[in-house]
Amino acid sequence: MKKFIYSLALIFMLGVSANTVLAAEKSEKNKTEMTAEQKVQLKRITDRVEEIRDMDKSDLSKSDRKELRKELRELKKQARAMGGGVYLSVGAIIIIILLLILIL
């Protein structure tokens, strides 16, 4: 009986992962074009990230480095928001799978 349940769970998980791969391929085909304002903003963000990356951080104080990390996180959030899309964490996927198992 245990082998049957484990094999059923394995088949279910493989089936779910195959659907997500197919969904990811379709979303790449339907990309929307960014407006001119979004392109300029994205260029500004990438320029700032490159500037921070090329910066000599060895002479910065601890608080300055912390501020740079916060700024980089904010820039990353802005860039992701422009790209659109839905992101699911691993924890969210596990919770969804557990809920489906309990319901079914």
PDB file of N, CA and C in Angstrom:
ATOM      1  N   MET A   1       0.818  -1.187   0.000  1.00  0.00           N
ATOM      2  CA  MET A   1       0.000   0.000   0.000  1.00  0.00           C
ATOM      3  C   MET A   1       0.868   1.259   0.000  1.00  0.00           C
ATOM      4  N   LYS A   2       1.990   1.223   0.767  1.00  0.00           N
ATOM      5  CA  LYS A   2       2.871   2.375   0.801  1.00  0.00           C
ATOM      6  C   LYS A   2       3.477   2.640  -0.571  1.00  0.00           C
ATOM      7  N   LYS A   3       3.864   1.573  -1.250  1.00  0.00           N
ATOM      8  CA  LYS A   3       4.459   1.745  -2.574  1.00  0.00           C
ATOM      9  C   LYS A   3       3.462   2.383  -3.531  1.00  0.00           C
ATOM     10  N   PHE A   4       2.213   1.988  -3.421  1.00  0.00           N
ATOM     11  CA  PHE A   4       1.181   2.557  -4.280  1.00  0.00           C
ATOM     12  C   PHE A   4       1.012   4.054  -4.015  1.00  0.00           C
ATOM     13  N   ILE A   5       0.983   4.447  -2.753  1.00  0.00           N
ATOM     14  CA  ILE A   5       0.813   5.861  -2.401  1.00  0.00           C
ATOM     15  C   ILE A   5       2.026   6.666  -2.853  1.00  0.00           C
ATOM     16  N   TYR A   6       3.220   6.135  -2.626  1.00  0.00           N
ATOM     17  CA  TYR A   6       4.424   6.840  -3.044  1.00  0.00           C
ATOM     18  C   TYR A   6       4.494   6.982  -4.568  1.00  0.00           C
ATOM     19  N   SER A   7       4.150   5.917  -5.279  1.00  0.00           N
ATOM     20  CA  SER A   7       4.183   6.003  -6.740  1.00  0.00           C
ATOM     21  C   SER A   7       3.123   6.964  -7.256  1.00  0.00           C
ATOM     22  N   LEU A   8       1.962   6.996  -6.616  1.00  0.00           N
ATOM     23  CA  LEU A   8       0.909   7.933  -6.995  1.00  0.00           C
ATOM     24  C   LEU A   8       1.357   9.376  -6.754  1.00  0.00           C
ATOM     25  N   ALA A   9       2.013   9.613  -5.621  1.00  0.00           N
ATOM     26  CA  ALA A   9       2.519  10.948  -5.321  1.00  0.00           C
ATOM     27  C   ALA A   9       3.597  11.354  -6.320  1.00  0.00           C
ATOM     28  N   LEU A  10       4.463  10.415  -6.694  1.00  0.00           N
ATOM     29  CA  LEU A  10       5.515  10.698  -7.666  1.00  0.00           C
ATOM     30  C   LEU A  10       4.924  11.046  -9.025  1.00  0.00           C
ATOM     31  N   ILE A  11       3.946  10.290  -9.466  1.00  0.00           N
ATOM     32  CA  ILE A  11       3.296  10.553 -10.749  1.00  0.00           C
ATOM     33  C   ILE A  11       2.616  11.921 -10.719  1.00  0.00           C
ATOM     34  N   PHE A  12       1.964  12.233  -9.618  1.00  0.00           N
ATOM     35  CA  PHE A  12       1.285  13.528  -9.483  1.00  0.00           C
ATOM     36  C   PHE A  12       2.291  14.666  -9.561  1.00  0.00           C
ATOM     37  N   MET A  13       3.416  14.542  -8.851  1.00  0.00           N
ATOM     38  CA  MET A  13       4.414  15.611  -8.849  1.00  0.00           C
ATOM     39  C   MET A  13       5.048  15.775 -10.227  1.00  0.00           C
ATOM     40  N   LEU A  14       5.317  14.676 -10.912  1.00  0.00           N
ATOM     41  CA  LEU A  14       5.878  14.770 -12.253  1.00  0.00           C
ATOM     42  C   LEU A  14       4.875  15.387 -13.217  1.00  0.00           C
ATOM     43  N   GLY A  15       3.619  15.070 -13.049  1.00  0.00           N
ATOM     44  CA  GLY A  15       2.590  15.656 -13.900  1.00  0.00           C
ATOM     45  C   GLY A  15       2.456  17.149 -13.690  1.00  0.00           C
ATOM     46  N   VAL A  16       2.556  17.589 -12.456  1.00  0.00           N
ATOM     47  CA  VAL A  16       2.468  19.018 -12.153  1.00  0.00           C
ATOM     48  C   VAL A  16       3.677  19.753 -12.708  1.00  0.00           C
ATOM     49  N   SER A  17       4.860  19.164 -12.574  1.00  0.00           N
ATOM     50  CA  SER A  17       6.059  19.838 -13.070  1.00  0.00           C
ATOM     51  C   SER A  17       6.055  19.918 -14.593  1.00  0.00           C
ATOM     52  N   ALA A  18       5.489  18.940 -15.273  1.00  0.00           N
ATOM     53  CA  ALA A  18       5.427  18.992 -16.731  1.00  0.00           C
ATOM     54  C   ALA A  18       4.514  20.122 -17.182  1.00  0.00           C
ATOM     55  N   ASN A  19       3.422  20.347 -16.471  1.00  0.00           N
ATOM     56  CA  ASN A  19       2.516  21.427 -16.827  1.00  0.00           C
ATOM     57  C   ASN A  19       3.160  22.791 -16.632  1.00  0.00           C
ATOM     58  N   THR A  20       3.959  22.948 -15.586  1.00  0.00           N
ATOM     59  CA  THR A  20       4.595  24.237 -15.354  1.00  0.00           C
ATOM     60  C   THR A  20       5.644  24.524 -16.413  1.00  0.00           C
ATOM     61  N   VAL A  21       6.327  23.497 -16.892  1.00  0.00           N
ATOM     62  CA  VAL A  21       7.316  23.699 -17.950  1.00  0.00           C
ATOM     63  C   VAL A  21       6.620  24.149 -19.228  1.00  0.00           C
ATOM     64  N   LEU A  22       5.512  23.539 -19.553  1.00  0.00           N
ATOM     65  CA  LEU A  22       4.772  23.943 -20.737  1.00  0.00           C
ATOM     66  C   LEU A  22       4.231  25.356 -20.605  1.00  0.00           C
ATOM     67  N   ALA A  23       3.782  25.716 -19.430  1.00  0.00           N
ATOM     68  CA  ALA A  23       3.263  27.061 -19.208  1.00  0.00           C
ATOM     69  C   ALA A  23       4.375  28.091 -19.333  1.00  0.00           C
ATOM     70  N   ALA A  24       5.573  27.753 -18.894  1.00  0.00           N
ATOM     71  CA  ALA A  24       6.689  28.688 -18.984  1.00  0.00           C
ATOM     72  C   ALA A  24       7.067  28.928 -20.439  1.00  0.00           C
ATOM     73  N   GLU A  25       7.015  27.914 -21.273  1.00  0.00           N
ATOM     74  CA  GLU A  25       7.351  28.086 -22.683  1.00  0.00           C
ATOM     75  C   GLU A  25       6.330  28.963 -23.392  1.00  0.00           C
ATOM     76  N   LYS A  26       5.081  28.841 -23.054  1.00  0.00           N
ATOM     77  CA  LYS A  26       4.047  29.639 -23.701  1.00  0.00           C
ATOM     78  C   LYS A  26       4.137  31.102 -23.307  1.00  0.00           C
ATOM     79  N   SER A  27       4.483  31.373 -22.059  1.00  0.00           N
ATOM     80  CA  SER A  27       4.540  32.765 -21.610  1.00  0.00           C
ATOM     81  C   SER A  27       5.678  33.515 -22.289  1.00  0.00           C
ATOM     82  N   GLU A  28       6.754  32.828 -22.669  1.00  0.00           N
ATOM     83  CA  GLU A  28       7.852  33.488 -23.359  1.00  0.00           C
ATOM     84  C   GLU A  28       7.437  33.931 -24.757  1.00  0.00           C
ATOM     85  N   LYS A  29       6.540  33.225 -25.380  1.00  0.00           N
ATOM     86  CA  LYS A  29       6.105  33.576 -26.716  1.00  0.00           C
ATOM     87  C   LYS A  29       5.216  34.816 -26.717  1.00  0.00           C
ATOM     88  N   ASN A  30       4.486  35.029 -25.624  1.00  0.00           N
ATOM     89  CA  ASN A  30       3.533  36.122 -25.555  1.00  0.00           C
ATOM     90  C   ASN A  30       4.078  37.319 -24.785  1.00  0.00           C
ATOM     91  N   LYS A  31       5.335  37.636 -24.946  1.00  0.00           N
ATOM     92  CA  LYS A  31       5.915  38.769 -24.244  1.00  0.00           C
ATOM     93  C   LYS A  31       5.352  40.066 -24.820  1.00  0.00           C
ATOM     94  N   THR A  32       5.096  41.002 -23.934  1.00  0.00           N
ATOM     95  CA  THR A  32       4.612  42.298 -24.381  1.00  0.00           C
ATOM     96  C   THR A  32       5.786  43.249 -24.527  1.00  0.00           C
ATOM     97  N   GLU A  33       5.661  44.162 -25.442  1.00  0.00           N
ATOM     98  CA  GLU A  33       6.705  45.147 -25.669  1.00  0.00           C
ATOM     99  C   GLU A  33       6.660  46.197 -24.575  1.00  0.00           C
ATOM    100  N   MET A  34       7.838  46.661 -24.172  1.00  0.00           N
ATOM    101  CA  MET A  34       7.904  47.702 -23.168  1.00  0.00           C
ATOM    102  C   MET A  34       7.765  49.055 -23.844  1.00  0.00           C
ATOM    103  N   THR A  35       7.190  49.998 -23.137  1.00  0.00           N
ATOM    104  CA  THR A  35       7.059  51.342 -23.672  1.00  0.00           C
ATOM    105  C   THR A  35       8.410  52.037 -23.613  1.00  0.00           C
ATOM    106  N   ALA A  36       8.494  53.192 -24.246  1.00  0.00           N
ATOM    107  CA  ALA A  36       9.753  53.940 -24.269  1.00  0.00           C
ATOM    108  C   ALA A  36      10.151  54.378 -22.863  1.00  0.00           C
ATOM    109  N   GLU A  37       9.168  54.762 -22.053  1.00  0.00           N
ATOM    110  CA  GLU A  37       9.461  55.173 -20.681  1.00  0.00           C
ATOM    111  C   GLU A  37      10.029  54.013 -19.876  1.00  0.00           C
ATOM    112  N   GLN A  38       9.456  52.830 -20.058  1.00  0.00           N
ATOM    113  CA  GLN A  38       9.948  51.663 -19.329  1.00  0.00           C
ATOM    114  C   GLN A  38      11.353  51.296 -19.770  1.00  0.00           C
ATOM    115  N   LYS A  39      11.646  51.423 -21.057  1.00  0.00           N
ATOM    116  CA  LYS A  39      12.992  51.121 -21.545  1.00  0.00           C
ATOM    117  C   LYS A  39      14.009  52.081 -20.953  1.00  0.00           C
ATOM    118  N   VAL A  40      13.646  53.372 -20.881  1.00  0.00           N
ATOM    119  CA  VAL A  40      14.554  54.366 -20.310  1.00  0.00           C
ATOM    120  C   VAL A  40      14.779  54.074 -18.829  1.00  0.00           C
ATOM    121  N   GLN A  41      13.716  53.753 -18.103  1.00  0.00           N
ATOM    122  CA  GLN A  41      13.827  53.443 -16.676  1.00  0.00           C
ATOM    123  C   GLN A  41      14.677  52.191 -16.462  1.00  0.00           C
ATOM    124  N   LEU A  42      14.481  51.174 -17.282  1.00  0.00           N
ATOM    125  CA  LEU A  42      15.272  49.950 -17.170  1.00  0.00           C
ATOM    126  C   LEU A  42      16.743  50.222 -17.470  1.00  0.00           C
ATOM    127  N   LYS A  43      17.013  51.059 -18.444  1.00  0.00           N
ATOM    128  CA  LYS A  43      18.392  51.429 -18.776  1.00  0.00           C
ATOM    129  C   LYS A  43      19.025  52.170 -17.604  1.00  0.00           C
ATOM    130  N   ARG A  44      18.262  53.059 -16.970  1.00  0.00           N
ATOM    131  CA  ARG A  44      18.753  53.805 -15.820  1.00  0.00           C
ATOM    132  C   ARG A  44      19.087  52.854 -14.668  1.00  0.00           C
ATOM    133  N   ILE A  45      18.237  51.868 -14.460  1.00  0.00           N
ATOM    134  CA  ILE A  45      18.467  50.894 -13.385  1.00  0.00           C
ATOM    135  C   ILE A  45      19.720  50.071 -13.670  1.00  0.00           C
ATOM    136  N   THR A  46      19.866  49.585 -14.900  1.00  0.00           N
ATOM    137  CA  THR A  46      21.046  48.765 -15.223  1.00  0.00           C
ATOM    138  C   THR A  46      22.329  49.582 -15.139  1.00  0.00           C
ATOM    139  N   ASP A  47      22.261  50.845 -15.540  1.00  0.00           N
ATOM    140  CA  ASP A  47      23.457  51.693 -15.422  1.00  0.00           C
ATOM    141  C   ASP A  47      23.865  51.869 -13.966  1.00  0.00           C
ATOM    142  N   ARG A  48      22.883  52.078 -13.097  1.00  0.00           N
ATOM    143  CA  ARG A  48      23.180  52.255 -11.675  1.00  0.00           C
ATOM    144  C   ARG A  48      23.737  50.970 -11.064  1.00  0.00           C
ATOM    145  N   VAL A  49      23.190  49.838 -11.452  1.00  0.00           N
ATOM    146  CA  VAL A  49      23.690  48.556 -10.936  1.00  0.00           C
ATOM    147  C   VAL A  49      25.129  48.325 -11.388  1.00  0.00           C
ATOM    148  N   GLU A  50      25.423  48.629 -12.630  1.00  0.00           N
ATOM    149  CA  GLU A  50      26.801  48.472 -13.113  1.00  0.00           C
ATOM    150  C   GLU A  50      27.739  49.431 -12.405  1.00  0.00           C
ATOM    151  N   GLU A  51      27.260  50.646 -12.137  1.00  0.00           N
ATOM    152  CA  GLU A  51      28.077  51.621 -11.414  1.00  0.00           C
ATOM    153  C   GLU A  51      28.394  51.121 -10.005  1.00  0.00           C
ATOM    154  N   ILE A  52      27.418  50.550  -9.340  1.00  0.00           N
ATOM    155  CA  ILE A  52      27.638  50.018  -7.996  1.00  0.00           C
ATOM    156  C   ILE A  52      28.571  48.816  -8.045  1.00  0.00           C
ATOM    157  N   ARG A  53      28.406  47.979  -9.067  1.00  0.00           N
ATOM    158  CA  ARG A  53      29.252  46.787  -9.185  1.00  0.00           C
ATOM    159  C   ARG A  53      30.716  47.166  -9.409  1.00  0.00           C
ATOM    160  N   ASP A  54      30.958  48.217 -10.195  1.00  0.00           N
ATOM    161  CA  ASP A  54      32.323  48.631 -10.499  1.00  0.00           C
ATOM    162  C   ASP A  54      32.948  49.466  -9.388  1.00  0.00           C
ATOM    163  N   MET A  55      32.159  49.856  -8.411  1.00  0.00           N
ATOM    164  CA  MET A  55      32.629  50.709  -7.329  1.00  0.00           C
ATOM    165  C   MET A  55      33.594  49.945  -6.415  1.00  0.00           C
ATOM    166  N   ASP A  56      34.585  50.659  -5.884  1.00  0.00           N
ATOM    167  CA  ASP A  56      35.510  50.070  -4.914  1.00  0.00           C
ATOM    168  C   ASP A  56      34.856  50.140  -3.539  1.00  0.00           C
ATOM    169  N   LYS A  57      34.422  49.004  -3.045  1.00  0.00           N
ATOM    170  CA  LYS A  57      33.661  48.965  -1.801  1.00  0.00           C
ATOM    171  C   LYS A  57      34.531  48.729  -0.578  1.00  0.00           C
ATOM    172  N   SER A  58      35.819  48.566  -0.760  1.00  0.00           N
ATOM    173  CA  SER A  58      36.689  48.248   0.370  1.00  0.00           C
ATOM    174  C   SER A  58      36.853  49.437   1.321  1.00  0.00           C
ATOM    175  N   ASP A  59      36.744  50.657   0.810  1.00  0.00           N
ATOM    176  CA  ASP A  59      36.924  51.822   1.675  1.00  0.00           C
ATOM    177  C   ASP A  59      35.607  52.347   2.249  1.00  0.00           C
ATOM    178  N   LEU A  60      34.489  51.683   1.957  1.00  0.00           N
ATOM    179  CA  LEU A  60      33.192  52.118   2.474  1.00  0.00           C
ATOM    180  C   LEU A  60      32.981  51.615   3.896  1.00  0.00           C
ATOM    181  N   SER A  61      32.220  52.376   4.651  1.00  0.00           N
ATOM    182  CA  SER A  61      31.898  51.942   6.006  1.00  0.00           C
ATOM    183  C   SER A  61      30.794  50.888   5.945  1.00  0.00           C
ATOM    184  N   LYS A  62      30.531  50.278   7.080  1.00  0.00           N
ATOM    185  CA  LYS A  62      29.537  49.217   7.149  1.00  0.00           C
ATOM    186  C   LYS A  62      28.146  49.747   6.809  1.00  0.00           C
ATOM    187  N   SER A  63      27.827  50.934   7.290  1.00  0.00           N
ATOM    188  CA  SER A  63      26.508  51.511   7.014  1.00  0.00           C
ATOM    189  C   SER A  63      26.352  51.861   5.534  1.00  0.00           C
ATOM    190  N   ASP A  64      27.442  52.323   4.897  1.00  0.00           N
ATOM    191  CA  ASP A  64      27.376  52.637   3.470  1.00  0.00           C
ATOM    192  C   ASP A  64      27.137  51.371   2.635  1.00  0.00           C
ATOM    193  N   ARG A  65      27.821  50.295   3.004  1.00  0.00           N
ATOM    194  CA  ARG A  65      27.611  49.030   2.286  1.00  0.00           C
ATOM    195  C   ARG A  65      26.191  48.516   2.480  1.00  0.00           C
ATOM    196  N   LYS A  66      25.650  48.717   3.681  1.00  0.00           N
ATOM    197  CA  LYS A  66      24.282  48.305   3.953  1.00  0.00           C
ATOM    198  C   LYS A  66      23.302  49.105   3.103  1.00  0.00           C
ATOM    199  N   GLU A  67      23.538  50.402   2.970  1.00  0.00           N
ATOM    200  CA  GLU A  67      22.689  51.241   2.122  1.00  0.00           C
ATOM    201  C   GLU A  67      22.764  50.812   0.661  1.00  0.00           C
ATOM    202  N   LEU A  68      23.953  50.448   0.202  1.00  0.00           N
ATOM    203  CA  LEU A  68      24.105  49.974  -1.177  1.00  0.00           C
ATOM    204  C   LEU A  68      23.318  48.687  -1.399  1.00  0.00           C
ATOM    205  N   ARG A  69      23.365  47.775  -0.428  1.00  0.00           N
ATOM    206  CA  ARG A  69      22.599  46.534  -0.552  1.00  0.00           C
ATOM    207  C   ARG A  69      21.109  46.818  -0.611  1.00  0.00           C
ATOM    208  N   LYS A  70      20.637  47.741   0.218  1.00  0.00           N
ATOM    209  CA  LYS A  70      19.218  48.103   0.191  1.00  0.00           C
ATOM    210  C   LYS A  70      18.843  48.707  -1.160  1.00  0.00           C
ATOM    211  N   GLU A  71      19.720  49.570  -1.663  1.00  0.00           N
ATOM    212  CA  GLU A  71      19.451  50.190  -2.964  1.00  0.00           C
ATOM    213  C   GLU A  71      19.396  49.142  -4.074  1.00  0.00           C
ATOM    214  N   LEU A  72      20.301  48.181  -4.027  1.00  0.00           N
ATOM    215  CA  LEU A  72      20.304  47.122  -5.032  1.00  0.00           C
ATOM    216  C   LEU A  72      19.040  46.278  -4.956  1.00  0.00           C
ATOM    217  N   ARG A  73      18.565  46.003  -3.747  1.00  0.00           N
ATOM    218  CA  ARG A  73      17.314  45.246  -3.603  1.00  0.00           C
ATOM    219  C   ARG A  73      16.138  46.012  -4.197  1.00  0.00           C
ATOM    220  N   GLU A  74      16.097  47.311  -3.948  1.00  0.00           N
ATOM    221  CA  GLU A  74      15.013  48.132  -4.490  1.00  0.00           C
ATOM    222  C   GLU A  74      15.076  48.171  -6.015  1.00  0.00           C
ATOM    223  N   LEU A  75      16.283  48.306  -6.560  1.00  0.00           N
ATOM    224  CA  LEU A  75      16.435  48.320  -8.011  1.00  0.00           C
ATOM    225  C   LEU A  75      15.996  46.988  -8.613  1.00  0.00           C
ATOM    226  N   LYS A  76      16.308  45.898  -7.926  1.00  0.00           N
ATOM    227  CA  LYS A  76      15.911  44.576  -8.405  1.00  0.00           C
ATOM    228  C   LYS A  76      14.392  44.438  -8.401  1.00  0.00           C
ATOM    229  N   LYS A  77      13.742  44.941  -7.343  1.00  0.00           N
ATOM    230  CA  LYS A  77      12.282  44.901  -7.277  1.00  0.00           C
ATOM    231  C   LYS A  77      11.662  45.710  -8.411  1.00  0.00           C
ATOM    232  N   GLN A  78      12.217  46.878  -8.672  1.00  0.00           N
ATOM    233  CA  GLN A  78      11.694  47.719  -9.748  1.00  0.00           C
ATOM    234  C   GLN A  78      11.852  47.040 -11.104  1.00  0.00           C
ATOM    235  N   ALA A  79      13.007  46.422 -11.327  1.00  0.00           N
ATOM    236  CA  ALA A  79      13.247  45.753 -12.604  1.00  0.00           C
ATOM    237  C   ALA A  79      12.300  44.571 -12.786  1.00  0.00           C
ATOM    238  N   ARG A  80      12.043  43.830 -11.727  1.00  0.00           N
ATOM    239  CA  ARG A  80      11.108  42.708 -11.810  1.00  0.00           C
ATOM    240  C   ARG A  80       9.696  43.190 -12.067  1.00  0.00           C
ATOM    241  N   ALA A  81       9.322  44.308 -11.445  1.00  0.00           N
ATOM    242  CA  ALA A  81       7.975  44.843 -11.625  1.00  0.00           C
ATOM    243  C   ALA A  81       7.756  45.261 -13.076  1.00  0.00           C
ATOM    244  N   MET A  82       8.776  45.770 -13.719  1.00  0.00           N
ATOM    245  CA  MET A  82       8.660  46.161 -15.127  1.00  0.00           C
ATOM    246  C   MET A  82       8.535  44.953 -16.027  1.00  0.00           C
ATOM    247  N   GLY A  83       9.199  43.866 -15.652  1.00  0.00           N
ATOM    248  CA  GLY A  83       9.167  42.662 -16.473  1.00  0.00           C
ATOM    249  C   GLY A  83       7.835  41.954 -16.411  1.00  0.00           C
ATOM    250  N   GLY A  84       7.093  42.159 -15.347  1.00  0.00           N
ATOM    251  CA  GLY A  84       5.803  41.498 -15.184  1.00  0.00           C
ATOM    252  C   GLY A  84       5.983  40.040 -14.827  1.00  0.00           C
ATOM    253  N   GLY A  85       4.899  39.298 -14.900  1.00  0.00           N
ATOM    254  CA  GLY A  85       4.963  37.880 -14.606  1.00  0.00           C
ATOM    255  C   GLY A  85       4.570  37.574 -13.179  1.00  0.00           C
ATOM    256  N   VAL A  86       4.347  36.313 -12.924  1.00  0.00           N
ATOM    257  CA  VAL A  86       3.953  35.850 -11.603  1.00  0.00           C
ATOM    258  C   VAL A  86       5.056  34.923 -11.102  1.00  0.00           C
ATOM    259  N   TYR A  87       5.546  35.195  -9.912  1.00  0.00           N
ATOM    260  CA  TYR A  87       6.601  34.385  -9.343  1.00  0.00           C
ATOM    261  C   TYR A  87       6.061  33.645  -8.128  1.00  0.00           C
ATOM    262  N   LEU A  88       6.304  32.342  -8.084  1.00  0.00           N
ATOM    263  CA  LEU A  88       5.897  31.526  -6.943  1.00  0.00           C
ATOM    264  C   LEU A  88       7.143  30.998  -6.256  1.00  0.00           C
ATOM    265  N   SER A  89       7.173  31.120  -4.960  1.00  0.00           N
ATOM    266  CA  SER A  89       8.296  30.584  -4.216  1.00  0.00           C
ATOM    267  C   SER A  89       8.129  29.072  -4.057  1.00  0.00           C
ATOM    268  N   VAL A  90       9.191  28.426  -3.657  1.00  0.00           N
ATOM    269  CA  VAL A  90       9.157  26.980  -3.465  1.00  0.00           C
ATOM    270  C   VAL A  90       8.189  26.628  -2.339  1.00  0.00           C
ATOM    271  N   GLY A  91       8.182  27.438  -1.295  1.00  0.00           N
ATOM    272  CA  GLY A  91       7.274  27.193  -0.176  1.00  0.00           C
ATOM    273  C   GLY A  91       5.821  27.272  -0.603  1.00  0.00           C
ATOM    274  N   ALA A  92       5.507  28.251  -1.457  1.00  0.00           N
ATOM    275  CA  ALA A  92       4.124  28.389  -1.935  1.00  0.00           C
ATOM    276  C   ALA A  92       3.721  27.183  -2.778  1.00  0.00           C
ATOM    277  N   ILE A  93       4.622  26.698  -3.588  1.00  0.00           N
ATOM    278  CA  ILE A  93       4.325  25.533  -4.427  1.00  0.00           C
ATOM    279  C   ILE A  93       4.086  24.298  -3.560  1.00  0.00           C
ATOM    280  N   ILE A  94       4.899  24.138  -2.519  1.00  0.00           N
ATOM    281  CA  ILE A  94       4.726  22.983  -1.625  1.00  0.00           C
ATOM    282  C   ILE A  94       3.377  23.060  -0.917  1.00  0.00           C
ATOM    283  N   ILE A  95       3.007  24.251  -0.456  1.00  0.00           N
ATOM    284  CA  ILE A  95       1.715  24.414   0.217  1.00  0.00           C
ATOM    285  C   ILE A  95       0.566  24.103  -0.732  1.00  0.00           C
ATOM    286  N   ILE A  96       0.670  24.564  -1.969  1.00  0.00           N
ATOM    287  CA  ILE A  96      -0.378  24.287  -2.961  1.00  0.00           C
ATOM    288  C   ILE A  96      -0.501  22.785  -3.203  1.00  0.00           C
ATOM    289  N   ILE A  97       0.631  22.104  -3.332  1.00  0.00           N
ATOM    290  CA  ILE A  97       0.611  20.654  -3.562  1.00  0.00           C
ATOM    291  C   ILE A  97      -0.002  19.930  -2.374  1.00  0.00           C
ATOM    292  N   LEU A  98       0.361  20.341  -1.164  1.00  0.00           N
ATOM    293  CA  LEU A  98      -0.218  19.706   0.022  1.00  0.00           C
ATOM    294  C   LEU A  98      -1.720  19.924   0.103  1.00  0.00           C
ATOM    295  N   LEU A  99      -2.161  21.127  -0.221  1.00  0.00           N
ATOM    296  CA  LEU A  99      -3.602  21.396  -0.216  1.00  0.00           C
ATOM    297  C   LEU A  99      -4.328  20.522  -1.254  1.00  0.00           C
ATOM    298  N   LEU A 100      -3.729  20.381  -2.423  1.00  0.00           N
ATOM    299  CA  LEU A 100      -4.336  19.543  -3.444  1.00  0.00           C
ATOM    300  C   LEU A 100      -4.401  18.079  -3.002  1.00  0.00           C
ATOM    301  N   ILE A 101      -3.367  17.621  -2.336  1.00  0.00           N
ATOM    302  CA  ILE A 101      -3.354  16.240  -1.859  1.00  0.00           C
ATOM    303  C   ILE A 101      -4.445  16.041  -0.803  1.00  0.00           C
ATOM    304  N   LEU A 102      -4.578  17.019   0.094  1.00  0.00           N
ATOM    305  CA  LEU A 102      -5.602  16.900   1.140  1.00  0.00           C
ATOM    306  C   LEU A 102      -7.008  16.962   0.556  1.00  0.00           C
ATOM    307  N   ILE A 103      -7.207  17.782  -0.442  1.00  0.00           N
ATOM    308  CA  ILE A 103      -8.532  17.910  -1.047  1.00  0.00           C
ATOM    309  C   ILE A 103      -8.889  16.664  -1.845  1.00  0.00           C
ATOM    310  N   LEU A 104      -7.923  16.153  -2.584  1.00  0.00           N
ATOM    311  CA  LEU A 104      -8.193  14.987  -3.425  1.00  0.00           C
ATOM    312  C   LEU A 104      -8.007  13.756  -2.597  1.00  0.00           C
TER     313      LEU A 104
END
